[in-house]
C-alpha atoms as a PDB file:
ATOM      1  CA  MET A   1      -2.370  17.839 -27.958  1.00  0.00           C
ATOM      2  CA  ALA A   2      -2.460  18.441 -24.279  1.00  0.00           C
ATOM      3  CA  ARG A   3       0.968  17.282 -22.165  1.00  0.00           C
ATOM      4  CA  ASN A   4      -0.021  14.305 -20.289  1.00  0.00           C
ATOM      5  CA  ILE A   5       1.612  13.397 -17.196  1.00  0.00           C
ATOM      6  CA  TYR A   6      -0.300  10.334 -16.994  1.00  0.00           C
ATOM      7  CA  ASP A   7       2.711   9.181 -19.754  1.00  0.00           C
ATOM      8  CA  ASN A   8       5.625  10.014 -16.826  1.00  0.00           C
ATOM      9  CA  PRO A   9       6.641   6.517 -16.406  1.00  0.00           C
ATOM     10  CA  ASP A  10       7.073   7.696 -12.519  1.00  0.00           C
ATOM     11  CA  PHE A  11       3.447   9.239 -12.212  1.00  0.00           C
ATOM     12  CA  PHE A  12       1.908   5.863 -13.741  1.00  0.00           C
ATOM     13  CA  ALA A  13       4.019   3.628 -11.884  1.00  0.00           C
ATOM     14  CA  GLY A  14       2.731   6.130  -8.030  1.00  0.00           C
ATOM     15  CA  TYR A  15      -0.524   6.461  -9.600  1.00  0.00           C
ATOM     16  CA  SER A  16      -1.332   3.066 -10.442  1.00  0.00           C
ATOM     17  CA  GLN A  17      -0.886   1.887  -6.388  1.00  0.00           C
ATOM     18  CA  LEU A  18      -3.328   4.483  -5.461  1.00  0.00           C
ATOM     19  CA  PRO A  19      -6.645   2.294  -3.576  1.00  0.00           C
ATOM     20  CA  ARG A  20      -8.931   3.508  -6.208  1.00  0.00           C
ATOM     21  CA  GLN A  21      -6.538   1.883  -8.912  1.00  0.00           C
ATOM     22  CA  VAL A  22      -5.898  -1.317  -7.078  1.00  0.00           C
ATOM     23  CA  ASP A  23      -9.321  -1.685  -5.663  1.00  0.00           C
ATOM     24  CA  GLY A  24     -11.105  -0.046  -7.972  1.00  0.00           C
ATOM     25  CA  LEU A  25     -14.570   1.457  -7.805  1.00  0.00           C
ATOM     26  CA  ASP A  26     -14.417  -0.191  -4.357  1.00  0.00           C
ATOM     27  CA  GLY A  27     -11.108   1.560  -3.143  1.00  0.00           C
ATOM     28  CA  ALA A  28     -13.278   5.104  -4.164  1.00  0.00           C
ATOM     29  CA  PRO A  29     -14.640   6.244  -0.686  1.00  0.00           C
ATOM     30  CA  GLU A  30     -16.966   8.299  -3.431  1.00  0.00           C
ATOM     31  CA  TRP A  31     -18.299   5.884  -5.098  1.00  0.00           C
ATOM     32  CA  PRO A  32     -21.470   5.828  -3.275  1.00  0.00           C
ATOM     33  CA  GLU A  33     -22.564   8.660  -3.730  1.00  0.00           C
ATOM     34  CA  ILE A  34     -21.650   9.167  -6.756  1.00  0.00           C
ATOM     35  CA  GLN A  35     -24.116   6.219  -7.408  1.00  0.00           C
ATOM     36  CA  ALA A  36     -26.394   8.123  -5.736  1.00  0.00           C
ATOM     37  CA  LEU A  37     -26.440  10.918  -8.402  1.00  0.00           C
ATOM     38  CA  LEU A  38     -26.713   8.201 -11.534  1.00  0.00           C
ATOM     39  CA  PRO A  39     -29.534   8.606 -13.218  1.00  0.00           C
ATOM     40  CA  GLY A  40     -31.090   4.987 -14.884  1.00  0.00           C
ATOM     41  CA  LEU A  41     -28.980   3.401 -16.391  1.00  0.00           C
ATOM     42  CA  SER A  42     -30.671   0.440 -18.551  1.00  0.00           C
ATOM     43  CA  ARG A  43     -29.945   0.783 -22.251  1.00  0.00           C
ATOM     44  CA  LYS A  44     -27.899   3.984 -21.997  1.00  0.00           C
ATOM     45  CA  ARG A  45     -25.418   5.177 -24.047  1.00  0.00           C
ATOM     46  CA  VAL A  46     -22.897   6.210 -21.866  1.00  0.00           C
ATOM     47  CA  ALA A  47     -19.218   8.348 -22.640  1.00  0.00           C
ATOM     48  CA  ASP A  48     -16.848   8.544 -19.723  1.00  0.00           C
ATOM     49  CA  LEU A  49     -14.447  11.157 -20.388  1.00  0.00           C
ATOM     50  CA  GLY A  50     -11.043  10.293 -18.966  1.00  0.00           C
ATOM     51  CA  CYS A  51     -12.072   6.825 -18.100  1.00  0.00           C
ATOM     52  CA  GLY A  52      -8.654   5.688 -17.173  1.00  0.00           C
ATOM     53  CA  PHE A  53      -8.438   2.303 -16.401  1.00  0.00           C
ATOM     54  CA  GLY A  54     -12.054   1.574 -17.450  1.00  0.00           C
ATOM     55  CA  TRP A  55     -13.267   0.437 -13.799  1.00  0.00           C
ATOM     56  CA  ALA A  56     -16.194   3.071 -14.028  1.00  0.00           C
ATOM     57  CA  ALA A  57     -16.849   1.908 -17.925  1.00  0.00           C
ATOM     58  CA  ARG A  58     -17.293  -1.975 -17.158  1.00  0.00           C
ATOM     59  CA  TRP A  59     -19.415  -1.126 -14.049  1.00  0.00           C
ATOM     60  CA  PHE A  60     -21.848   1.184 -16.705  1.00  0.00           C
ATOM     61  CA  ARG A  61     -22.458  -1.919 -19.065  1.00  0.00           C
ATOM     62  CA  GLU A  62     -22.990  -4.530 -15.542  1.00  0.00           C
ATOM     63  CA  GLN A  63     -26.064  -2.004 -15.422  1.00  0.00           C
ATOM     64  CA  GLY A  64     -27.404  -2.947 -18.393  1.00  0.00           C
ATOM     65  CA  THR A  65     -26.030   0.283 -20.966  1.00  0.00           C
ATOM     66  CA  SER A  66     -26.471  -0.592 -24.088  1.00  0.00           C
ATOM     67  CA  SER A  67     -22.716   1.228 -25.002  1.00  0.00           C
ATOM     68  CA  VAL A  68     -19.760   2.865 -23.214  1.00  0.00           C
ATOM     69  CA  LEU A  69     -16.910   4.662 -25.015  1.00  0.00           C
ATOM     70  CA  GLY A  70     -14.132   5.079 -23.388  1.00  0.00           C
ATOM     71  CA  LEU A  71     -11.885   8.208 -23.450  1.00  0.00           C
ATOM     72  CA  ASP A  72      -8.785   9.253 -22.083  1.00  0.00           C
ATOM     73  CA  LEU A  73      -5.374  11.718 -23.065  1.00  0.00           C
ATOM     74  CA  SER A  74      -3.023   9.068 -21.431  1.00  0.00           C
ATOM     75  CA  GLN A  75      -1.994   6.350 -24.022  1.00  0.00           C
ATOM     76  CA  SER A  76      -0.800   4.043 -20.476  1.00  0.00           C
ATOM     77  CA  MET A  77      -4.398   3.968 -19.176  1.00  0.00           C
ATOM     78  CA  ILE A  78      -6.222   3.392 -22.348  1.00  0.00           C
ATOM     79  CA  GLU A  79      -3.583   0.371 -23.159  1.00  0.00           C
ATOM     80  CA  ARG A  80      -4.569  -0.526 -19.355  1.00  0.00           C
ATOM     81  CA  ALA A  81      -8.060  -0.675 -19.981  1.00  0.00           C
ATOM     82  CA  LYS A  82      -8.020  -2.313 -23.049  1.00  0.00           C
ATOM     83  CA  ASP A  83      -6.239  -5.439 -21.499  1.00  0.00           C
ATOM     84  CA  ASP A  84      -8.767  -5.358 -18.460  1.00  0.00           C
ATOM     85  CA  THR A  85     -11.875  -5.264 -20.502  1.00  0.00           C
ATOM     86  CA  GLU A  86     -13.176  -8.344 -22.377  1.00  0.00           C
ATOM     87  CA  ASP A  87     -16.503  -6.728 -23.604  1.00  0.00           C
ATOM     88  CA  SER A  88     -17.500  -5.383 -27.247  1.00  0.00           C
ATOM     89  CA  GLY A  89     -20.113  -3.125 -25.899  1.00  0.00           C
ATOM     90  CA  ILE A  90     -17.332  -0.648 -24.231  1.00  0.00           C
ATOM     91  CA  GLU A  91     -15.071   1.032 -26.871  1.00  0.00           C
ATOM     92  CA  TYR A  92     -11.750   2.831 -25.818  1.00  0.00           C
ATOM     93  CA  ARG A  93      -9.887   5.912 -27.332  1.00  0.00           C
ATOM     94  CA  ILE A  94      -7.150   8.215 -26.837  1.00  0.00           C
ATOM     95  CA  ALA A  95      -8.908  11.967 -27.201  1.00  0.00           C
ATOM     96  CA  ASP A  96      -7.486  15.230 -25.607  1.00  0.00           C
ATOM     97  CA  LEU A  97     -10.302  16.839 -23.261  1.00  0.00           C
ATOM     98  CA  GLN A  98      -9.283  20.310 -24.481  1.00  0.00           C
ATOM     99  CA  THR A  99     -10.251  19.564 -28.583  1.00  0.00           C
ATOM    100  CA  LEU A 100     -12.813  16.990 -28.219  1.00  0.00           C
ATOM    101  CA  GLU A 101     -15.595  16.666 -30.798  1.00  0.00           C
ATOM    102  CA  LEU A 102     -18.019  14.279 -30.100  1.00  0.00           C
ATOM    103  CA  PRO A 103     -21.758  13.515 -32.097  1.00  0.00           C
ATOM    104  CA  GLU A 104     -24.455  15.698 -31.343  1.00  0.00           C
ATOM    105  CA  ALA A 105     -27.362  13.786 -29.751  1.00  0.00           C
ATOM    106  CA  ALA A 106     -25.286  10.600 -29.524  1.00  0.00           C
ATOM    107  CA  PHE A 107     -25.072  10.104 -25.935  1.00  0.00           C
ATOM    108  CA  ASP A 108     -28.060   9.760 -22.523  1.00  0.00           C
ATOM    109  CA  LEU A 109     -24.814  10.089 -19.985  1.00  0.00           C
ATOM    110  CA  ILE A 110     -21.747  11.589 -19.822  1.00  0.00           C
ATOM    111  CA  TYR A 111     -19.936  10.426 -16.891  1.00  0.00           C
ATOM    112  CA  SER A 112     -16.156  12.287 -15.768  1.00  0.00           C
ATOM    113  CA  ALA A 113     -14.200  11.488 -12.645  1.00  0.00           C
ATOM    114  CA  LEU A 114     -11.459  14.183 -11.256  1.00  0.00           C
ATOM    115  CA  THR A 115     -10.629  14.869 -14.852  1.00  0.00           C
ATOM    116  CA  PHE A 116     -12.032  18.522 -15.727  1.00  0.00           C
ATOM    117  CA  HIS A 117      -9.824  19.886 -13.226  1.00  0.00           C
ATOM    118  CA  TYR A 118      -7.145  19.038 -15.541  1.00  0.00           C
ATOM    119  CA  VAL A 119      -8.735  20.978 -18.681  1.00  0.00           C
ATOM    120  CA  ARG A 120      -8.291  24.541 -19.257  1.00  0.00           C
ATOM    121  CA  ASP A 121     -11.379  25.955 -21.348  1.00  0.00           C
ATOM    122  CA  PHE A 122     -14.041  24.935 -19.362  1.00  0.00           C
ATOM    123  CA  GLU A 123     -16.632  26.394 -21.454  1.00  0.00           C
ATOM    124  CA  ARG A 124     -15.863  25.226 -24.301  1.00  0.00           C
ATOM    125  CA  LEU A 125     -16.151  21.298 -23.034  1.00  0.00           C
ATOM    126  CA  ILE A 126     -19.193  22.124 -21.350  1.00  0.00           C
ATOM    127  CA  ARG A 127     -20.563  23.296 -24.328  1.00  0.00           C
ATOM    128  CA  MET A 128     -19.777  20.198 -26.549  1.00  0.00           C
ATOM    129  CA  ILE A 129     -21.028  17.789 -23.933  1.00  0.00           C
ATOM    130  CA  HIS A 130     -24.288  19.741 -23.993  1.00  0.00           C
ATOM    131  CA  ALA A 131     -24.491  19.069 -27.673  1.00  0.00           C
ATOM    132  CA  ALA A 132     -23.039  15.754 -27.514  1.00  0.00           C
ATOM    133  CA  LEU A 133     -26.495  14.932 -24.879  1.00  0.00           C
ATOM    134  CA  ALA A 134     -29.325  13.841 -26.436  1.00  0.00           C
ATOM    135  CA  PRO A 135     -32.430  15.708 -24.982  1.00  0.00           C
ATOM    136  CA  GLY A 136     -33.223  15.019 -20.972  1.00  0.00           C
ATOM    137  CA  GLY A 137     -29.452  13.434 -21.034  1.00  0.00           C
ATOM    138  CA  ASP A 138     -27.414  13.861 -18.250  1.00  0.00           C
ATOM    139  CA  LEU A 139     -24.043  14.488 -17.159  1.00  0.00           C
ATOM    140  CA  VAL A 140     -22.648  13.445 -13.690  1.00  0.00           C
ATOM    141  CA  PHE A 141     -18.797  14.269 -12.784  1.00  0.00           C
ATOM    142  CA  THR A 142     -16.406  14.743  -9.812  1.00  0.00           C
ATOM    143  CA  ILE A 143     -13.782  17.517  -9.687  1.00  0.00           C
ATOM    144  CA  GLU A 144     -11.421  18.035  -6.996  1.00  0.00           C
ATOM    145  CA  TYR A 145     -13.014  21.036  -4.395  1.00  0.00           C
ATOM    146  CA  PRO A 146     -11.952  24.627  -5.698  1.00  0.00           C
ATOM    147  CA  ILE A 147     -10.443  25.123  -2.097  1.00  0.00           C
ATOM    148  CA  PHE A 148      -8.435  21.781  -2.060  1.00  0.00           C
ATOM    149  CA  LYS A 149      -6.918  22.981  -5.438  1.00  0.00           C
ATOM    150  CA  ALA A 150      -6.463  26.168  -4.539  1.00  0.00           C
ATOM    151  CA  ALA A 151      -4.216  25.617  -1.649  1.00  0.00           C
ATOM    152  CA  ALA A 152      -0.698  26.779  -2.211  1.00  0.00           C
ATOM    153  CA  HIS A 153       1.270  24.170  -0.182  1.00  0.00           C
ATOM    154  CA  PRO A 154       0.185  20.648  -0.145  1.00  0.00           C
ATOM    155  CA  GLN A 155       0.127  20.395   3.500  1.00  0.00           C
ATOM    156  CA  TRP A 156      -1.604  20.919   6.657  1.00  0.00           C
ATOM    157  CA  ILE A 157      -0.834  24.096   8.568  1.00  0.00           C
ATOM    158  CA  GLN A 158      -0.804  24.053  12.411  1.00  0.00           C
ATOM    159  CA  ASP A 159      -1.299  26.696  14.927  1.00  0.00           C
ATOM    160  CA  GLU A 160       0.108  27.183  18.090  1.00  0.00           C
ATOM    161  CA  ASP A 161      -2.817  25.441  19.645  1.00  0.00           C
ATOM    162  CA  GLY A 162      -2.384  22.315  17.739  1.00  0.00           C
ATOM    163  CA  HIS A 163      -5.515  23.227  15.196  1.00  0.00           C
ATOM    164  CA  LYS A 164      -4.958  22.513  11.651  1.00  0.00           C
ATOM    165  CA  THR A 165      -5.902  24.729   8.902  1.00  0.00           C
ATOM    166  CA  TRP A 166      -5.843  23.935   5.276  1.00  0.00           C
ATOM    167  CA  PRO A 167      -3.595  27.014   3.492  1.00  0.00           C
ATOM    168  CA  VAL A 168      -5.886  28.414   0.707  1.00  0.00           C
ATOM    169  CA  ASN A 169      -3.658  31.051  -2.034  1.00  0.00           C
ATOM    170  CA  GLY A 170      -5.414  32.910  -4.271  1.00  0.00           C
ATOM    171  CA  TYR A 171      -8.999  31.527  -4.654  1.00  0.00           C
ATOM    172  CA  SER A 172     -10.704  34.224  -6.482  1.00  0.00           C
ATOM    173  CA  ILE A 173      -7.716  34.025  -8.866  1.00  0.00           C
ATOM    174  CA  GLU A 174      -8.212  31.091 -11.554  1.00  0.00           C
ATOM    175  CA  GLY A 175      -6.313  29.668 -14.091  1.00  0.00           C
ATOM    176  CA  GLU A 176      -3.038  27.529 -13.653  1.00  0.00           C
ATOM    177  CA  ARG A 177      -1.956  25.479 -10.602  1.00  0.00           C
ATOM    178  CA  ARG A 178       1.064  23.872 -10.388  1.00  0.00           C
ATOM    179  CA  THR A 179       1.409  21.083  -7.567  1.00  0.00           C
ATOM    180  CA  ASP A 180       4.218  18.116  -7.232  1.00  0.00           C
ATOM    181  CA  TRP A 181       2.078  14.894  -6.517  1.00  0.00           C
ATOM    182  CA  PHE A 182       3.983  11.643  -7.799  1.00  0.00           C
ATOM    183  CA  ALA A 183       6.245  13.889 -10.369  1.00  0.00           C
ATOM    184  CA  LYS A 184       7.161  17.694 -10.709  1.00  0.00           C
ATOM    185  CA  GLY A 185       5.029  20.216 -11.536  1.00  0.00           C
ATOM    186  CA  VAL A 186       1.843  18.533 -12.663  1.00  0.00           C
ATOM    187  CA  LEU A 187      -0.323  21.467 -14.352  1.00  0.00           C
ATOM    188  CA  LYS A 188      -4.129  21.921 -13.398  1.00  0.00           C
ATOM    189  CA  HIS A 189      -6.703  24.861 -14.078  1.00  0.00           C
ATOM    190  CA  HIS A 190      -8.412  26.114 -11.094  1.00  0.00           C
ATOM    191  CA  ARG A 191     -11.628  27.560 -11.121  1.00  0.00           C
ATOM    192  CA  THR A 192     -14.045  28.415  -8.419  1.00  0.00           C
ATOM    193  CA  LEU A 193     -17.099  27.132  -7.387  1.00  0.00           C
ATOM    194  CA  ALA A 194     -18.669  30.130  -8.520  1.00  0.00           C
ATOM    195  CA  THR A 195     -17.625  29.633 -12.086  1.00  0.00           C
ATOM    196  CA  THR A 196     -17.974  26.025 -12.266  1.00  0.00           C
ATOM    197  CA  ILE A 197     -21.712  25.954 -11.629  1.00  0.00           C
ATOM    198  CA  ASN A 198     -22.548  28.973 -13.294  1.00  0.00           C
ATOM    199  CA  THR A 199     -20.592  27.925 -16.696  1.00  0.00           C
ATOM    200  CA  LEU A 200     -23.010  24.424 -16.810  1.00  0.00           C
ATOM    201  CA  ILE A 201     -25.829  27.149 -15.910  1.00  0.00           C
ATOM    202  CA  GLY A 202     -25.312  29.275 -19.290  1.00  0.00           C
ATOM    203  CA  THR A 203     -24.633  26.538 -20.914  1.00  0.00           C
ATOM    204  CA  GLY A 204     -28.623  25.470 -20.858  1.00  0.00           C
ATOM    205  CA  PHE A 205     -27.686  22.436 -17.984  1.00  0.00           C
ATOM    206  CA  GLU A 206     -30.117  22.519 -15.207  1.00  0.00           C
ATOM    207  CA  LEU A 207     -28.603  21.187 -11.731  1.00  0.00           C
ATOM    208  CA  CYS A 208     -29.827  18.243 -10.009  1.00  0.00           C
ATOM    209  CA  ARG A 209     -27.553  17.901  -7.675  1.00  0.00           C
ATOM    210  CA  VAL A 210     -24.782  19.392  -5.402  1.00  0.00           C
ATOM    211  CA  GLU A 211     -22.293  16.900  -3.245  1.00  0.00           C
ATOM    212  CA  GLU A 212     -19.402  18.021  -1.392  1.00  0.00           C
ATOM    213  CA  PHE A 213     -17.773  15.274  -0.658  1.00  0.00           C
ATOM    214  CA  ALA A 214     -16.748  13.779   3.212  1.00  0.00           C
ATOM    215  CA  PRO A 215     -16.160  10.788   4.156  1.00  0.00           C
ATOM    216  CA  THR A 216     -18.381   8.741   6.820  1.00  0.00           C
ATOM    217  CA  PRO A 217     -17.928   7.683  10.314  1.00  0.00           C
ATOM    218  CA  GLU A 218     -17.390   4.519   9.194  1.00  0.00           C
ATOM    219  CA  GLN A 219     -15.115   4.897   6.233  1.00  0.00           C
ATOM    220  CA  ILE A 220     -13.179   6.777   8.768  1.00  0.00           C
ATOM    221  CA  ALA A 221     -12.944   3.913  11.128  1.00  0.00           C
ATOM    222  CA  GLU A 222     -11.887   1.533   8.224  1.00  0.00           C
ATOM    223  CA  ASN A 223      -9.209   3.779   6.878  1.00  0.00           C
ATOM    224  CA  PRO A 224      -8.464   6.705   9.664  1.00  0.00           C
ATOM    225  CA  PHE A 225      -6.404   8.964   7.212  1.00  0.00           C
ATOM    226  CA  LEU A 226      -9.722   9.889   5.811  1.00  0.00           C
ATOM    227  CA  ALA A 227     -10.324  11.920   9.038  1.00  0.00           C
ATOM    228  CA  GLU A 228      -8.333  14.712   7.625  1.00  0.00           C
ATOM    229  CA  GLU A 229     -11.270  14.835   4.480  1.00  0.00           C
ATOM    230  CA  LEU A 230     -13.445  16.878   7.548  1.00  0.00           C
ATOM    231  CA  GLU A 231     -11.401  19.615   7.632  1.00  0.00           C
ATOM    232  CA  ARG A 232     -12.260  20.889   4.138  1.00  0.00           C
ATOM    233  CA  PRO A 233     -13.948  19.531   1.128  1.00  0.00           C
ATOM    234  CA  MET A 234     -11.713  17.515  -1.228  1.00  0.00           C
ATOM    235  CA  MET A 235     -14.161  16.906  -3.834  1.00  0.00           C
ATOM    236  CA  LEU A 236     -16.728  18.529  -5.684  1.00  0.00           C
ATOM    237  CA  LEU A 237     -19.906  15.762  -6.993  1.00  0.00           C
ATOM    238  CA  VAL A 238     -22.404  17.365  -9.748  1.00  0.00           C
ATOM    239  CA  SER A 239     -25.546  16.179 -11.655  1.00  0.00           C
ATOM    240  CA  ALA A 240     -26.973  17.871 -14.122  1.00  0.00           C
ATOM    241  CA  SER A 241     -29.046  17.476 -16.549  1.00  0.00           C
ATOM    242  CA  LYS A 242     -29.757  18.680 -20.238  1.00  0.00           C
ATOM    243  CA  ILE A 243     -32.847  20.535 -20.939  1.00  0.00           C
END
């Protein structure tokens, strides 16, 4: 099973204090754009890959889905999700996306938020997801934007004129990236934007929508720290359908 940084006590303690974990979906500034990518949800069978505390899983059920399967590698995440959920229509399981196998044509929507960049073999995962979707089913996911993740150092560089730039090192070189985020040496896997999109197309998905998340003026006014997200994309949002 893949190494799971989310069960590191120091990491989990810090991660649990993020606004998107304290406030749920309301604390995720990209959530309105994600909602715009989602298909109709009534009576849909949903799998949430990297479900975390179960915020999205519970929201899906509130929208009328028939069932939600929430999967996460972290035992701490799954325990918290179960504690916060009172709904027999939601099932939570510990699962490793590196090796996950789902039943064929078992889901109408597969959703994932900020998880796929932890997976080494993206093509294997996407092929498995394609098989697990019913004909006409949808895949909606978000990942850290490849330029954001390729950055050599997680801080701004300021030039002599006071302009901020974001350092990108080896964008075209795909593979492991390590960063210090609540813990030392958090492992993620960098892929170019082209690899991400072309893997979907090559697997048989039809792209419906691609969004490069940027906060709105209203969000920046409410949370000024979001202003730096206008300098370079932070997240890639993708909607695709099985054809």
